All heavy atoms as atom14 arrays in JSON, in Angstrom:
{
  "sequence": "GLALRLLPQDKEGSNAGRLDVAGLILSSTGVMGITY",
  "atom14_mask": [
    [1, 1, 1, 1, 0, 0, 0, 0, 0, 0, 0, 0, 0, 0],
    [1, 1, 1, 1, 1, 1, 1, 1, 0, 0, 0, 0, 0, 0],
    [1, 1, 1, 1, 1, 0, 0, 0, 0, 0, 0, 0, 0, 0],
    [1, 1, 1, 1, 1, 1, 1, 1, 0, 0, 0, 0, 0, 0],
    [1, 1, 1, 1, 1, 1, 1, 1, 1, 1, 1, 0, 0, 0],
    [1, 1, 1, 1, 1, 1, 1, 1, 0, 0, 0, 0, 0, 0],
    [1, 1, 1, 1, 1, 1, 1, 1, 0, 0, 0, 0, 0, 0],
    [1, 1, 1, 1, 1, 1, 1, 0, 0, 0, 0, 0, 0, 0],
    [1, 1, 1, 1, 1, 1, 1, 1, 1, 0, 0, 0, 0, 0],
    [1, 1, 1, 1, 1, 1, 1, 1, 0, 0, 0, 0, 0, 0],
    [1, 1, 1, 1, 1, 1, 1, 1, 1, 0, 0, 0, 0, 0],
    [1, 1, 1, 1, 1, 1, 1, 1, 1, 0, 0, 0, 0, 0],
    [1, 1, 1, 1, 0, 0, 0, 0, 0, 0, 0, 0, 0, 0],
    [1, 1, 1, 1, 1, 1, 0, 0, 0, 0, 0, 0, 0, 0],
    [1, 1, 1, 1, 1, 1, 1, 1, 0, 0, 0, 0, 0, 0],
    [1, 1, 1, 1, 1, 0, 0, 0, 0, 0, 0, 0, 0, 0],
    [1, 1, 1, 1, 0, 0, 0, 0, 0, 0, 0, 0, 0, 0],
    [1, 1, 1, 1, 1, 1, 1, 1, 1, 1, 1, 0, 0, 0],
    [1, 1, 1, 1, 1, 1, 1, 1, 0, 0, 0, 0, 0, 0],
    [1, 1, 1, 1, 1, 1, 1, 1, 0, 0, 0, 0, 0, 0],
    [1, 1, 1, 1, 1, 1, 1, 0, 0, 0, 0, 0, 0, 0],
    [1, 1, 1, 1, 1, 0, 0, 0, 0, 0, 0, 0, 0, 0],
    [1, 1, 1, 1, 0, 0, 0, 0, 0, 0, 0, 0, 0, 0],
    [1, 1, 1, 1, 1, 1, 1, 1, 0, 0, 0, 0, 0, 0],
    [1, 1, 1, 1, 1, 1, 1, 1, 0, 0, 0, 0, 0, 0],
    [1, 1, 1, 1, 1, 1, 1, 1, 0, 0, 0, 0, 0, 0],
    [1, 1, 1, 1, 1, 1, 0, 0, 0, 0, 0, 0, 0, 0],
    [1, 1, 1, 1, 1, 1, 0, 0, 0, 0, 0, 0, 0, 0],
    [1, 1, 1, 1, 1, 1, 1, 0, 0, 0, 0, 0, 0, 0],
    [1, 1, 1, 1, 0, 0, 0, 0, 0, 0, 0, 0, 0, 0],
    [1, 1, 1, 1, 1, 1, 1, 0, 0, 0, 0, 0, 0, 0],
    [1, 1, 1, 1, 1, 1, 1, 1, 0, 0, 0, 0, 0, 0],
    [1, 1, 1, 1, 0, 0, 0, 0, 0, 0, 0, 0, 0, 0],
    [1, 1, 1, 1, 1, 1, 1, 1, 0, 0, 0, 0, 0, 0],
    [1, 1, 1, 1, 1, 1, 1, 0, 0, 0, 0, 0, 0, 0],
    [1, 1, 1, 1, 1, 1, 1, 1, 1, 1, 1, 1, 0, 0]
  ],
  "atom14_positions": [
    [[0.15, 20.47, -3.61], [-0.65, 21.29, -4.52], [-0.46, 20.88, -5.97], [-1.45, 20.75, -6.73], [0.0, 0.0, 0.0], [0.0, 0.0, 0.0], [0.0, 0.0, 0.0], [0.0, 0.0, 0.0], [0.0, 0.0, 0.0], [0.0, 0.0, 0.0], [0.0, 0.0, 0.0], [0.0, 0.0, 0.0], [0.0, 0.0, 0.0], [0.0, 0.0, 0.0]],
    [[0.78, 20.66, -6.37], [1.05, 20.26, -7.75], [0.5, 18.86, -8.04], [0.0, 18.6, -9.14], [2.55, 20.3, -8.02], [3.2, 21.69, -8.05], [4.71, 21.57, -8.21], [2.61, 22.53, -9.18], [0.0, 0.0, 0.0], [0.0, 0.0, 0.0], [0.0, 0.0, 0.0], [0.0, 0.0, 0.0], [0.0, 0.0, 0.0], [0.0, 0.0, 0.0]],
    [[0.58, 17.97, -7.05], [0.07, 16.61, -7.25], [-1.44, 16.62, -7.45], [-1.97, 15.92, -8.33], [0.44, 15.73, -6.05], [0.0, 0.0, 0.0], [0.0, 0.0, 0.0], [0.0, 0.0, 0.0], [0.0, 0.0, 0.0], [0.0, 0.0, 0.0], [0.0, 0.0, 0.0], [0.0, 0.0, 0.0], [0.0, 0.0, 0.0], [0.0, 0.0, 0.0]],
    [[-2.14, 17.42, -6.65], [-3.6, 17.51, -6.79], [-3.99, 18.09, -8.15], [-5.02, 17.72, -8.73], [-4.18, 18.38, -5.67], [-4.16, 17.76, -4.27], [-4.54, 18.79, -3.22], [-5.1, 16.55, -4.2], [0.0, 0.0, 0.0], [0.0, 0.0, 0.0], [0.0, 0.0, 0.0], [0.0, 0.0, 0.0], [0.0, 0.0, 0.0], [0.0, 0.0, 0.0]],
    [[-3.15, 18.96, -8.66], [-3.49, 19.65, -9.9], [-3.02, 18.89, -11.15], [-3.72, 18.89, -12.18], [-2.86, 21.05, -9.89], [-3.14, 21.88, -11.14], [-2.52, 23.26, -11.02], [-2.73, 24.05, -12.21], [-3.82, 24.75, -12.47], [-4.81, 24.75, -11.6], [-3.93, 25.45, -13.59], [0.0, 0.0, 0.0], [0.0, 0.0, 0.0], [0.0, 0.0, 0.0]],
    [[-1.87, 18.23, -11.07], [-1.23, 17.72, -12.28], [-1.23, 16.2, -12.43], [-1.16, 15.71, -13.56], [0.22, 18.22, -12.35], [0.41, 19.74, -12.38], [1.89, 20.1, -12.39], [-0.3, 20.35, -13.59], [0.0, 0.0, 0.0], [0.0, 0.0, 0.0], [0.0, 0.0, 0.0], [0.0, 0.0, 0.0], [0.0, 0.0, 0.0], [0.0, 0.0, 0.0]],
    [[-1.28, 15.46, -11.34], [-1.22, 14.0, -11.48], [-2.55, 13.45, -11.99], [-3.62, 13.9, -11.57], [-0.88, 13.33, -10.14], [0.54, 13.52, -9.61], [0.72, 12.74, -8.33], [1.57, 13.09, -10.65], [0.0, 0.0, 0.0], [0.0, 0.0, 0.0], [0.0, 0.0, 0.0], [0.0, 0.0, 0.0], [0.0, 0.0, 0.0], [0.0, 0.0, 0.0]],
    [[-2.52, 12.47, -12.88], [-3.77, 11.86, -13.38], [-4.47, 11.12, -12.25], [-3.87, 10.27, -11.59], [-3.28, 10.91, -14.47], [-1.85, 10.62, -14.11], [-1.32, 11.86, -13.47], [0.0, 0.0, 0.0], [0.0, 0.0, 0.0], [0.0, 0.0, 0.0], [0.0, 0.0, 0.0], [0.0, 0.0, 0.0], [0.0, 0.0, 0.0], [0.0, 0.0, 0.0]],
    [[-5.72, 11.44, -12.02], [-6.46, 10.82, -10.93], [-7.12, 9.53, -11.4], [-8.13, 9.54, -12.08], [-7.54, 11.8, -10.4], [-6.97, 13.07, -9.79], [-6.13, 12.78, -8.57], [-6.5, 12.01, -7.71], [-4.96, 13.44, -8.51], [0.0, 0.0, 0.0], [0.0, 0.0, 0.0], [0.0, 0.0, 0.0], [0.0, 0.0, 0.0], [0.0, 0.0, 0.0]],
    [[-6.49, 8.4, -11.08], [-7.05, 7.12, -11.47], [-8.2, 6.73, -10.56], [-8.32, 7.21, -9.44], [-5.98, 6.03, -11.45], [-5.0, 6.2, -10.29], [-5.24, 7.08, -9.45], [-4.02, 5.45, -10.23], [0.0, 0.0, 0.0], [0.0, 0.0, 0.0], [0.0, 0.0, 0.0], [0.0, 0.0, 0.0], [0.0, 0.0, 0.0], [0.0, 0.0, 0.0]],
    [[-9.05, 5.86, -11.06], [-10.22, 5.45, -10.29], [-9.83, 4.47, -9.2], [-8.85, 3.77, -9.29], [-11.25, 4.79, -11.22], [-11.8, 5.73, -12.29], [-12.81, 4.99, -13.17], [-13.37, 5.91, -14.23], [-14.35, 5.19, -15.11], [0.0, 0.0, 0.0], [0.0, 0.0, 0.0], [0.0, 0.0, 0.0], [0.0, 0.0, 0.0], [0.0, 0.0, 0.0]],
    [[-10.66, 4.46, -8.13], [-10.45, 3.46, -7.09], [-10.67, 2.07, -7.67], [-11.61, 1.85, -8.42], [-11.4, 3.7, -5.91], [-11.16, 5.02, -5.18], [-12.01, 5.16, -3.94], [-12.57, 4.14, -3.52], [-12.08, 6.26, -3.39], [0.0, 0.0, 0.0], [0.0, 0.0, 0.0], [0.0, 0.0, 0.0], [0.0, 0.0, 0.0], [0.0, 0.0, 0.0]],
    [[-9.81, 1.15, -7.32], [-9.86, -0.18, -7.92], [-10.67, -1.16, -7.11], [-10.46, -1.32, -5.91], [0.0, 0.0, 0.0], [0.0, 0.0, 0.0], [0.0, 0.0, 0.0], [0.0, 0.0, 0.0], [0.0, 0.0, 0.0], [0.0, 0.0, 0.0], [0.0, 0.0, 0.0], [0.0, 0.0, 0.0], [0.0, 0.0, 0.0], [0.0, 0.0, 0.0]],
    [[-11.57, -1.83, -7.81], [-12.34, -2.88, -7.14], [-11.63, -4.22, -7.23], [-12.02, -5.19, -6.6], [-13.73, -3.0, -7.79], [-13.59, -3.25, -9.18], [0.0, 0.0, 0.0], [0.0, 0.0, 0.0], [0.0, 0.0, 0.0], [0.0, 0.0, 0.0], [0.0, 0.0, 0.0], [0.0, 0.0, 0.0], [0.0, 0.0, 0.0], [0.0, 0.0, 0.0]],
    [[-10.54, -4.26, -8.07], [-9.83, -5.52, -8.26], [-8.7, -5.71, -7.25], [-7.9, -6.63, -7.39], [-9.25, -5.58, -9.68], [-8.26, -4.46, -9.93], [-8.25, -3.45, -9.22], [-7.43, -4.63, -10.96], [0.0, 0.0, 0.0], [0.0, 0.0, 0.0], [0.0, 0.0, 0.0], [0.0, 0.0, 0.0], [0.0, 0.0, 0.0], [0.0, 0.0, 0.0]],
    [[-8.63, -4.83, -6.26], [-7.56, -4.96, -5.27], [-7.79, -6.15, -4.35], [-6.85, -6.71, -3.81], [-7.45, -3.67, -4.44], [0.0, 0.0, 0.0], [0.0, 0.0, 0.0], [0.0, 0.0, 0.0], [0.0, 0.0, 0.0], [0.0, 0.0, 0.0], [0.0, 0.0, 0.0], [0.0, 0.0, 0.0], [0.0, 0.0, 0.0], [0.0, 0.0, 0.0]],
    [[-9.06, -6.55, -4.19], [-9.36, -7.66, -3.29], [-9.28, -7.23, -1.84], [-9.02, -6.06, -1.52], [0.0, 0.0, 0.0], [0.0, 0.0, 0.0], [0.0, 0.0, 0.0], [0.0, 0.0, 0.0], [0.0, 0.0, 0.0], [0.0, 0.0, 0.0], [0.0, 0.0, 0.0], [0.0, 0.0, 0.0], [0.0, 0.0, 0.0], [0.0, 0.0, 0.0]],
    [[-9.49, -8.17, -0.96], [-9.4, -7.89, 0.47], [-7.95, -7.78, 0.88], [-7.07, -8.43, 0.33], [-10.1, -8.99, 1.26], [-11.59, -9.12, 0.98], [-12.21, -10.22, 1.81], [-12.08, -9.95, 3.24], [-12.52, -10.77, 4.19], [-13.11, -11.92, 3.86], [-12.37, -10.46, 5.46], [0.0, 0.0, 0.0], [0.0, 0.0, 0.0], [0.0, 0.0, 0.0]],
    [[-7.72, -6.95, 1.88], [-6.37, -6.78, 2.39], [-5.89, -8.07, 3.04], [-6.58, -8.65, 3.87], [-6.32, -5.63, 3.4], [-4.96, -5.4, 4.1], [-3.89, -5.04, 3.08], [-5.08, -4.31, 5.16], [0.0, 0.0, 0.0], [0.0, 0.0, 0.0], [0.0, 0.0, 0.0], [0.0, 0.0, 0.0], [0.0, 0.0, 0.0], [0.0, 0.0, 0.0]],
    [[-4.72, -8.51, 2.65], [-4.1, -9.71, 3.21], [-3.45, -9.32, 4.54], [-2.28, -8.97, 4.6], [-3.06, -10.25, 2.22], [-2.33, -11.48, 2.75], [-2.79, -12.05, 3.75], [-1.3, -11.85, 2.15], [0.0, 0.0, 0.0], [0.0, 0.0, 0.0], [0.0, 0.0, 0.0], [0.0, 0.0, 0.0], [0.0, 0.0, 0.0], [0.0, 0.0, 0.0]],
    [[-4.25, -9.37, 5.63], [-3.78, -8.92, 6.94], [-2.62, -9.77, 7.43], [-1.62, -9.26, 7.94], [-4.94, -8.93, 7.95], [-4.43, -8.51, 9.33], [-6.06, -8.0, 7.5], [0.0, 0.0, 0.0], [0.0, 0.0, 0.0], [0.0, 0.0, 0.0], [0.0, 0.0, 0.0], [0.0, 0.0, 0.0], [0.0, 0.0, 0.0], [0.0, 0.0, 0.0]],
    [[-2.74, -11.08, 7.28], [-1.66, -11.97, 7.73], [-0.37, -11.66, 6.98], [0.72, -11.6, 7.57], [-2.06, -13.43, 7.53], [0.0, 0.0, 0.0], [0.0, 0.0, 0.0], [0.0, 0.0, 0.0], [0.0, 0.0, 0.0], [0.0, 0.0, 0.0], [0.0, 0.0, 0.0], [0.0, 0.0, 0.0], [0.0, 0.0, 0.0], [0.0, 0.0, 0.0]],
    [[-0.49, -11.46, 5.67], [0.68, -11.12, 4.87], [1.29, -9.79, 5.29], [2.52, -9.64, 5.33], [0.0, 0.0, 0.0], [0.0, 0.0, 0.0], [0.0, 0.0, 0.0], [0.0, 0.0, 0.0], [0.0, 0.0, 0.0], [0.0, 0.0, 0.0], [0.0, 0.0, 0.0], [0.0, 0.0, 0.0], [0.0, 0.0, 0.0], [0.0, 0.0, 0.0]],
    [[0.43, -8.81, 5.62], [0.91, -7.5, 6.04], [1.68, -7.61, 7.35], [2.77, -7.04, 7.5], [-0.27, -6.53, 6.2], [0.08, -5.16, 6.76], [1.06, -4.43, 5.85], [-1.19, -4.33, 6.96], [0.0, 0.0, 0.0], [0.0, 0.0, 0.0], [0.0, 0.0, 0.0], [0.0, 0.0, 0.0], [0.0, 0.0, 0.0], [0.0, 0.0, 0.0]],
    [[1.14, -8.36, 8.3], [1.8, -8.52, 9.61], [3.15, -9.21, 9.43], [4.17, -8.77, 9.98], [0.9, -9.3, 10.58], [-0.36, -8.48, 10.91], [1.66, -9.65, 11.85], [-1.39, -9.24, 11.72], [0.0, 0.0, 0.0], [0.0, 0.0, 0.0], [0.0, 0.0, 0.0], [0.0, 0.0, 0.0], [0.0, 0.0, 0.0], [0.0, 0.0, 0.0]],
    [[3.17, -10.29, 8.66], [4.41, -11.05, 8.49], [5.46, -10.24, 7.73], [6.63, -10.2, 8.12], [4.12, -12.35, 7.75], [3.4, -13.45, 8.55], [2.97, -14.58, 7.64], [4.31, -13.98, 9.66], [0.0, 0.0, 0.0], [0.0, 0.0, 0.0], [0.0, 0.0, 0.0], [0.0, 0.0, 0.0], [0.0, 0.0, 0.0], [0.0, 0.0, 0.0]],
    [[5.05, -9.58, 6.63], [6.02, -8.85, 5.82], [6.56, -7.64, 6.56], [7.77, -7.37, 6.55], [5.39, -8.42, 4.49], [4.29, -7.55, 4.71], [0.0, 0.0, 0.0], [0.0, 0.0, 0.0], [0.0, 0.0, 0.0], [0.0, 0.0, 0.0], [0.0, 0.0, 0.0], [0.0, 0.0, 0.0], [0.0, 0.0, 0.0], [0.0, 0.0, 0.0]],
    [[5.67, -6.89, 7.22], [6.12, -5.7, 7.95], [7.02, -6.08, 9.12], [8.04, -5.44, 9.38], [4.92, -4.9, 8.45], [4.17, -4.37, 7.36], [0.0, 0.0, 0.0], [0.0, 0.0, 0.0], [0.0, 0.0, 0.0], [0.0, 0.0, 0.0], [0.0, 0.0, 0.0], [0.0, 0.0, 0.0], [0.0, 0.0, 0.0], [0.0, 0.0, 0.0]],
    [[6.63, -7.15, 9.84], [7.48, -7.62, 10.95], [8.84, -8.05, 10.43], [9.88, -7.76, 11.03], [6.8, -8.79, 11.68], [5.54, -8.37, 12.18], [7.67, -9.28, 12.83], [0.0, 0.0, 0.0], [0.0, 0.0, 0.0], [0.0, 0.0, 0.0], [0.0, 0.0, 0.0], [0.0, 0.0, 0.0], [0.0, 0.0, 0.0], [0.0, 0.0, 0.0]],
    [[8.85, -8.74, 9.3], [10.1, -9.21, 8.74], [11.01, -8.07, 8.32], [12.2, -8.05, 8.68], [0.0, 0.0, 0.0], [0.0, 0.0, 0.0], [0.0, 0.0, 0.0], [0.0, 0.0, 0.0], [0.0, 0.0, 0.0], [0.0, 0.0, 0.0], [0.0, 0.0, 0.0], [0.0, 0.0, 0.0], [0.0, 0.0, 0.0], [0.0, 0.0, 0.0]],
    [[10.47, -7.12, 7.57], [11.29, -6.01, 7.08], [11.75, -5.13, 8.24], [12.9, -4.69, 8.3], [10.52, -5.19, 6.03], [11.35, -4.0, 5.58], [10.17, -6.05, 4.83], [0.0, 0.0, 0.0], [0.0, 0.0, 0.0], [0.0, 0.0, 0.0], [0.0, 0.0, 0.0], [0.0, 0.0, 0.0], [0.0, 0.0, 0.0], [0.0, 0.0, 0.0]],
    [[10.84, -4.88, 9.2], [11.21, -4.06, 10.36], [12.26, -4.77, 11.21], [13.21, -4.14, 11.7], [9.97, -3.77, 11.21], [9.01, -2.77, 10.6], [7.51, -2.57, 11.6], [8.19, -1.86, 13.1], [0.0, 0.0, 0.0], [0.0, 0.0, 0.0], [0.0, 0.0, 0.0], [0.0, 0.0, 0.0], [0.0, 0.0, 0.0], [0.0, 0.0, 0.0]],
    [[12.1, -6.08, 11.4], [13.06, -6.83, 12.21], [14.45, -6.79, 11.61], [15.44, -6.55, 12.3], [0.0, 0.0, 0.0], [0.0, 0.0, 0.0], [0.0, 0.0, 0.0], [0.0, 0.0, 0.0], [0.0, 0.0, 0.0], [0.0, 0.0, 0.0], [0.0, 0.0, 0.0], [0.0, 0.0, 0.0], [0.0, 0.0, 0.0], [0.0, 0.0, 0.0]],
    [[14.53, -7.0, 10.3], [15.84, -6.97, 9.63], [16.41, -5.56, 9.64], [17.61, -5.36, 9.89], [15.7, -7.5, 8.2], [15.4, -9.0, 8.23], [16.97, -7.24, 7.4], [15.12, -9.61, 6.88], [0.0, 0.0, 0.0], [0.0, 0.0, 0.0], [0.0, 0.0, 0.0], [0.0, 0.0, 0.0], [0.0, 0.0, 0.0], [0.0, 0.0, 0.0]],
    [[15.57, -4.56, 9.39], [16.03, -3.16, 9.38], [16.59, -2.75, 10.73], [17.69, -2.18, 10.82], [14.88, -2.21, 8.99], [14.41, -2.56, 7.68], [15.36, -0.77, 8.97], [0.0, 0.0, 0.0], [0.0, 0.0, 0.0], [0.0, 0.0, 0.0], [0.0, 0.0, 0.0], [0.0, 0.0, 0.0], [0.0, 0.0, 0.0], [0.0, 0.0, 0.0]],
    [[15.85, -3.06, 11.81], [16.34, -2.69, 13.14], [17.59, -3.49, 13.5], [18.55, -2.95, 14.06], [15.27, -2.92, 14.19], [15.78, -2.64, 15.6], [16.0, -1.35, 16.02], [16.1, -3.69, 16.46], [16.51, -1.09, 17.28], [16.61, -3.44, 17.72], [16.8, -2.13, 18.13], [17.32, -1.88, 19.37], [0.0, 0.0, 0.0], [0.0, 0.0, 0.0]]
  ]
}
């Protein structure tokens, strides 16, 4: 409730580009593998 009311609502960014799916799979697998 406080976040919806008080945090500055920034605009959705068009400069984010496409999601790097390969990077996501590799990084998440890496961090999860080391964590486990």
